[in-house]
Amino acid sequence: MVELTGARLAFGDRVLWDRLDLVVRGGEFIAVLGPNGTGKTSLLKVLLGQVALSSGHATVTGEIGYVPQHRSMDGGLTLRGRDLVGLGYDGHRWGITSPRQRTAKRAVVTRALEQVNGIHLGTVPVGVMSGGELQRVRVAQALATDPALLLCDEPLLNLDPANARLISALIDQRRRENDTAVLFVTHEVNPVLPYVDRVLYLVDGRFRVGTVAEVMTSETLSELYRAEVRVVKIGEQYVVVGEHGETPHDHSGHASGHDHA
């Protein structure tokens, strides 16, 4: 679904990543990790065609679905869940639609809501939805075009642990049932650990690609951060502790920052 070859992304003298080679196959779930400003969101923008590589090549095959960072909606909005999902289907089109097109759209929207167990949210105004409900509708919106590739940009941000697990499980269900490739940018690896096939970890222009067991080690992260970093596994959870007790990248809870790169 995705192939990056010798990919470099730089803004002036600032290099986000260089010589990045990555192949993402159908049905594969890849978590993209790293601290703020390392180019995680920018990677998704490259694949969406919004940002051009400085050098190298990027190839994307098939329809793309996009799940944005979770943000609350204005409580006064009367836009319903079905309306928001429908924008993912034909929001880019202009003009009057025929009865046949409207029937096709209703079927697509219903199917997308079904995939996130959200049929009951179709008639609910988005302004009164809880964070978990709204993010389920956003996932449905991304599924409205039946994507072969799902790009998720911090979809768990500001969600409570129960809803973070729910959204992660819904995205995993989609990729298993439809062989959809998933690139999942997150500050929180623990909610998606049961689903992750590989990790792409970005730090200050450096990166590592591998399984969770290969990347989430004290040795690998110390090399990436160029500082002493300890990775502690407590049960099935990873905790990363940096030099002098600071946490360069928190995998144990919810992060409040955004990737501005």
Protein backbone atom coordinates (compact mmCIF):
# COMPACT_ATOMS: atom_id res chain seq x y z
CA MET A 1 0.00 0.00 0.00
CA VAL A 2 2.89 2.35 0.79
CA GLU A 3 6.50 2.42 -0.36
CA LEU A 4 9.01 5.03 0.75
CA THR A 5 12.46 4.84 -0.79
CA GLY A 6 15.33 7.04 0.35
CA ALA A 7 12.75 9.51 1.66
CA ARG A 8 14.03 12.78 3.11
CA LEU A 9 11.96 15.58 4.57
CA ALA A 10 13.60 18.84 5.59
CA PHE A 11 12.47 22.40 6.21
CA GLY A 12 15.48 24.63 5.67
CA ASP A 13 18.35 23.29 7.76
CA ARG A 14 16.03 21.20 9.90
CA VAL A 15 15.93 17.55 8.81
CA LEU A 16 12.94 15.60 10.11
CA TRP A 17 14.06 12.30 8.61
CA ASP A 18 16.44 11.12 5.93
CA ARG A 19 17.01 7.92 3.92
CA LEU A 20 13.77 6.46 5.18
CA ASP A 21 12.85 3.17 3.52
CA LEU A 22 9.48 1.74 4.45
CA VAL A 23 7.09 -0.72 2.82
CA VAL A 24 3.60 -1.10 4.28
CA ARG A 25 1.62 -4.09 3.06
CA GLY A 26 -2.12 -4.70 3.03
CA GLY A 27 -3.45 -5.63 6.48
CA GLU A 28 -0.34 -4.39 8.28
CA PHE A 29 -0.67 -2.20 11.40
CA ILE A 30 2.27 0.15 11.94
CA ALA A 31 2.52 2.51 14.90
CA VAL A 32 4.46 5.73 14.27
CA LEU A 33 6.05 6.92 17.52
CA GLY A 34 8.37 9.67 18.68
CA PRO A 35 8.38 12.98 20.55
CA ASN A 36 6.73 16.16 19.29
CA GLY A 37 8.20 17.83 16.20
CA THR A 38 9.89 14.77 14.72
CA GLY A 39 7.73 14.58 11.60
CA LYS A 40 5.07 12.02 12.45
CA THR A 41 2.18 14.12 11.19
CA SER A 42 4.34 15.33 8.30
CA LEU A 43 4.78 11.72 7.20
CA LEU A 44 1.01 11.38 6.88
CA LYS A 45 0.86 14.68 4.98
CA VAL A 46 3.43 13.34 2.51
CA LEU A 47 1.28 10.25 1.91
CA LEU A 48 -1.82 12.44 1.54
CA GLY A 49 -0.01 14.52 -1.08
CA GLN A 50 -0.10 17.68 1.03
CA VAL A 51 3.67 17.92 1.57
CA ALA A 52 6.38 17.09 -0.97
CA LEU A 53 9.47 15.09 -0.06
CA SER A 54 12.77 16.94 -0.14
CA SER A 55 14.21 13.91 -1.91
CA GLY A 56 13.44 10.25 -2.44
CA HIS A 57 10.21 8.62 -3.57
CA ALA A 58 6.81 7.90 -2.04
CA THR A 59 4.23 5.63 -3.66
CA VAL A 60 0.71 5.03 -2.36
CA THR A 61 -1.64 2.44 -3.86
CA GLY A 62 -5.39 2.53 -3.39
CA GLU A 63 -7.92 4.78 -1.69
CA ILE A 64 -6.84 6.58 1.49
CA GLY A 65 -8.93 7.08 4.62
CA TYR A 66 -7.86 9.68 7.18
CA VAL A 67 -8.69 9.83 10.89
CA PRO A 68 -7.66 13.19 12.39
CA GLN A 69 -6.64 14.06 15.93
CA HIS A 70 -9.55 14.05 18.33
CA ARG A 71 -10.92 17.51 18.98
CA SER A 72 -14.23 18.45 20.53
CA MET A 73 -16.97 20.09 18.45
CA ASP A 74 -18.93 23.27 19.21
CA GLY A 75 -21.86 22.27 21.39
CA GLY A 76 -24.22 24.31 19.22
CA LEU A 77 -23.52 22.37 16.02
CA THR A 78 -26.59 20.66 14.60
CA LEU A 79 -24.59 18.56 12.10
CA ARG A 80 -25.59 14.94 12.72
CA GLY A 81 -23.39 11.89 12.80
CA ARG A 82 -24.68 10.75 9.40
CA ASP A 83 -23.91 14.16 7.93
CA LEU A 84 -20.30 14.08 9.16
CA VAL A 85 -19.77 10.57 7.80
CA GLY A 86 -21.35 11.61 4.50
CA LEU A 87 -18.75 14.34 4.08
CA GLY A 88 -16.15 11.58 3.87
CA TYR A 89 -18.04 10.11 0.93
CA ASP A 90 -18.85 13.13 -1.21
CA GLY A 91 -17.71 16.21 0.68
CA HIS A 92 -15.27 16.99 -2.12
CA ARG A 93 -18.03 17.13 -4.75
CA TRP A 94 -20.12 20.08 -5.85
CA GLY A 95 -23.50 20.25 -7.49
CA ILE A 96 -26.91 18.62 -7.20
CA THR A 97 -27.02 14.87 -6.64
CA SER A 98 -29.49 12.52 -8.27
CA PRO A 99 -31.88 10.23 -6.32
CA ARG A 100 -29.70 7.28 -7.28
CA GLN A 101 -26.60 9.01 -5.89
CA ARG A 102 -28.40 9.87 -2.66
CA THR A 103 -29.50 6.26 -2.25
CA ALA A 104 -25.95 5.03 -2.79
CA LYS A 105 -24.65 7.56 -0.26
CA ARG A 106 -27.16 6.46 2.40
CA ALA A 107 -26.05 2.86 1.97
CA VAL A 108 -22.36 3.78 2.28
CA VAL A 109 -22.93 5.93 5.37
CA THR A 110 -24.98 3.21 7.04
CA ARG A 111 -22.33 0.60 6.33
CA ALA A 112 -19.55 2.84 7.69
CA LEU A 113 -21.50 3.51 10.91
CA GLU A 114 -22.15 -0.22 11.27
CA GLN A 115 -18.42 -0.89 11.13
CA VAL A 116 -17.87 1.27 14.22
CA ASN A 117 -20.99 0.07 16.06
CA GLY A 118 -22.38 3.56 15.63
CA ILE A 119 -25.75 3.28 13.87
CA HIS A 120 -27.41 4.96 16.87
CA LEU A 121 -25.08 7.95 16.42
CA GLY A 122 -26.36 8.71 12.93
CA THR A 123 -29.10 11.05 14.16
CA VAL A 124 -27.18 12.55 17.10
CA PRO A 125 -25.83 16.13 16.68
CA VAL A 126 -22.03 16.00 16.77
CA GLY A 127 -21.95 18.94 19.18
CA VAL A 128 -23.44 16.83 21.98
CA MET A 129 -21.45 13.64 21.40
CA SER A 130 -18.92 12.42 23.93
CA GLY A 131 -15.27 12.25 22.89
CA GLY A 132 -15.47 8.52 22.26
CA GLU A 133 -18.69 8.80 20.24
CA LEU A 134 -17.33 11.61 18.09
CA GLN A 135 -14.14 9.73 17.34
CA ARG A 136 -16.11 6.65 16.34
CA VAL A 137 -18.00 8.81 13.84
CA ARG A 138 -14.69 10.21 12.55
CA VAL A 139 -13.42 6.66 12.01
CA ALA A 140 -16.65 5.90 10.13
CA GLN A 141 -16.07 9.01 8.01
CA ALA A 142 -12.62 7.67 7.08
CA LEU A 143 -14.15 4.32 6.12
CA ALA A 144 -16.82 5.84 3.88
CA THR A 145 -14.69 5.46 0.74
CA ASP A 146 -13.69 1.88 1.59
CA PRO A 147 -9.98 2.76 1.89
CA ALA A 148 -7.12 0.37 1.28
CA LEU A 149 -4.91 2.55 3.51
CA LEU A 150 -5.98 4.14 6.79
CA LEU A 151 -3.90 7.06 8.09
CA CYS A 152 -4.58 7.86 11.75
CA ASP A 153 -3.15 11.04 13.27
CA GLU A 154 -3.27 10.85 17.07
CA PRO A 155 -6.81 9.45 17.05
CA LEU A 156 -6.60 8.64 20.78
CA LEU A 157 -5.61 12.13 21.89
CA ASN A 158 -7.56 13.25 24.97
CA LEU A 159 -9.68 10.09 25.05
CA ASP A 160 -10.12 8.19 28.30
CA PRO A 161 -8.51 4.70 28.45
CA ALA A 162 -11.77 2.85 27.75
CA ASN A 163 -12.51 4.85 24.60
CA ALA A 164 -8.86 4.68 23.51
CA ARG A 165 -9.09 0.89 23.64
CA LEU A 166 -12.41 0.94 21.78
CA ILE A 167 -11.14 3.12 18.92
CA SER A 168 -7.96 1.04 18.63
CA ALA A 169 -9.99 -2.18 18.48
CA LEU A 170 -12.35 -0.79 15.83
CA ILE A 171 -9.45 0.23 13.59
CA ASP A 172 -7.84 -3.19 14.10
CA GLN A 173 -11.13 -4.90 13.21
CA ARG A 174 -11.33 -2.92 9.99
CA ARG A 175 -7.83 -3.87 8.87
CA ARG A 176 -8.34 -7.57 9.68
CA GLU A 177 -11.70 -7.86 7.92
CA ASN A 178 -10.72 -5.81 4.85
CA ASP A 179 -6.92 -6.25 4.64
CA THR A 180 -6.55 -2.50 5.16
CA ALA A 181 -3.08 -1.14 5.87
CA VAL A 182 -2.88 1.15 8.92
CA LEU A 183 -0.35 3.85 9.78
CA PHE A 184 -1.19 4.96 13.31
CA VAL A 185 0.55 8.05 14.71
CA THR A 186 0.36 8.04 18.49
CA HIS A 187 2.04 9.14 21.69
CA GLU A 188 0.47 6.13 23.39
CA VAL A 189 1.76 2.79 22.22
CA ASN A 190 0.17 0.77 25.02
CA PRO A 191 -3.47 0.99 23.81
CA VAL A 192 -2.44 -0.39 20.39
CA LEU A 193 0.15 -2.93 21.54
CA PRO A 194 -2.16 -5.92 20.94
CA TYR A 195 -2.52 -4.91 17.29
CA VAL A 196 0.85 -3.53 16.21
CA ASP A 197 2.90 -5.48 13.67
CA ARG A 198 5.78 -3.02 13.48
CA VAL A 199 6.89 0.31 14.92
CA LEU A 200 8.44 3.31 13.14
CA TYR A 201 10.16 5.38 15.83
CA LEU A 202 11.31 8.90 14.85
CA VAL A 203 13.70 11.04 16.93
CA ASP A 204 15.58 14.16 15.75
CA GLY A 205 16.15 13.00 12.19
CA ARG A 206 16.91 9.41 13.19
CA PHE A 207 14.57 6.43 13.05
CA ARG A 208 14.19 2.72 13.65
CA VAL A 209 11.74 0.29 12.07
CA GLY A 210 11.00 -3.09 13.58
CA THR A 211 8.74 -5.11 15.80
CA VAL A 212 7.78 -3.73 19.20
CA ALA A 213 10.24 -6.13 20.84
CA GLU A 214 13.04 -4.96 18.54
CA VAL A 215 12.46 -1.20 18.87
CA MET A 216 11.16 -0.76 22.41
CA THR A 217 14.43 -1.56 24.18
CA SER A 218 16.74 0.54 26.33
CA GLU A 219 19.58 0.06 23.86
CA THR A 220 17.63 1.08 20.76
CA LEU A 221 15.96 4.14 22.28
CA SER A 222 19.18 5.29 23.97
CA GLU A 223 20.84 5.23 20.56
CA LEU A 224 17.95 7.17 19.00
CA TYR A 225 17.78 9.81 21.73
CA ARG A 226 21.56 9.89 22.14
CA ALA A 227 20.97 9.85 25.87
CA GLU A 228 20.51 7.22 28.52
CA VAL A 229 16.98 5.89 28.19
CA ARG A 230 15.47 3.02 30.12
CA VAL A 231 12.58 0.94 28.85
CA VAL A 232 10.72 -0.89 31.57
CA LYS A 233 8.02 -3.42 30.80
CA ILE A 234 5.44 -3.76 33.54
CA GLY A 235 3.07 -6.56 32.65
CA GLU A 236 2.07 -5.77 29.06
CA GLN A 237 2.78 -2.03 29.39
CA TYR A 238 5.90 -0.14 28.32
CA VAL A 239 7.28 2.76 30.35
CA VAL A 240 10.12 4.84 28.86
CA VAL A 241 12.25 6.86 31.27
CA GLY A 242 14.89 9.30 30.02
CA GLU A 243 18.08 10.69 31.45
CA HIS A 244 17.81 12.26 34.95
CA GLY A 245 14.39 10.68 35.40
CA GLU A 246 12.73 12.66 32.61
CA THR A 247 10.44 10.92 30.18
CA PRO A 248 11.39 11.75 26.57
CA HIS A 249 8.38 9.91 25.26
CA ASP A 250 5.57 8.72 27.50
CA HIS A 251 4.09 5.34 26.61
CA SER A 252 2.26 4.82 29.87
CA GLY A 253 -0.52 7.40 29.70
CA HIS A 254 -2.20 10.11 27.72
CA ALA A 255 -0.11 12.86 26.17
CA SER A 256 -1.44 16.37 25.80
CA GLY A 257 0.96 17.68 23.17
CA HIS A 258 0.61 17.78 19.42
CA ASP A 259 3.04 17.05 16.63
CA HIS A 260 3.44 20.44 14.96
CA ALA A 261 5.92 19.25 12.34
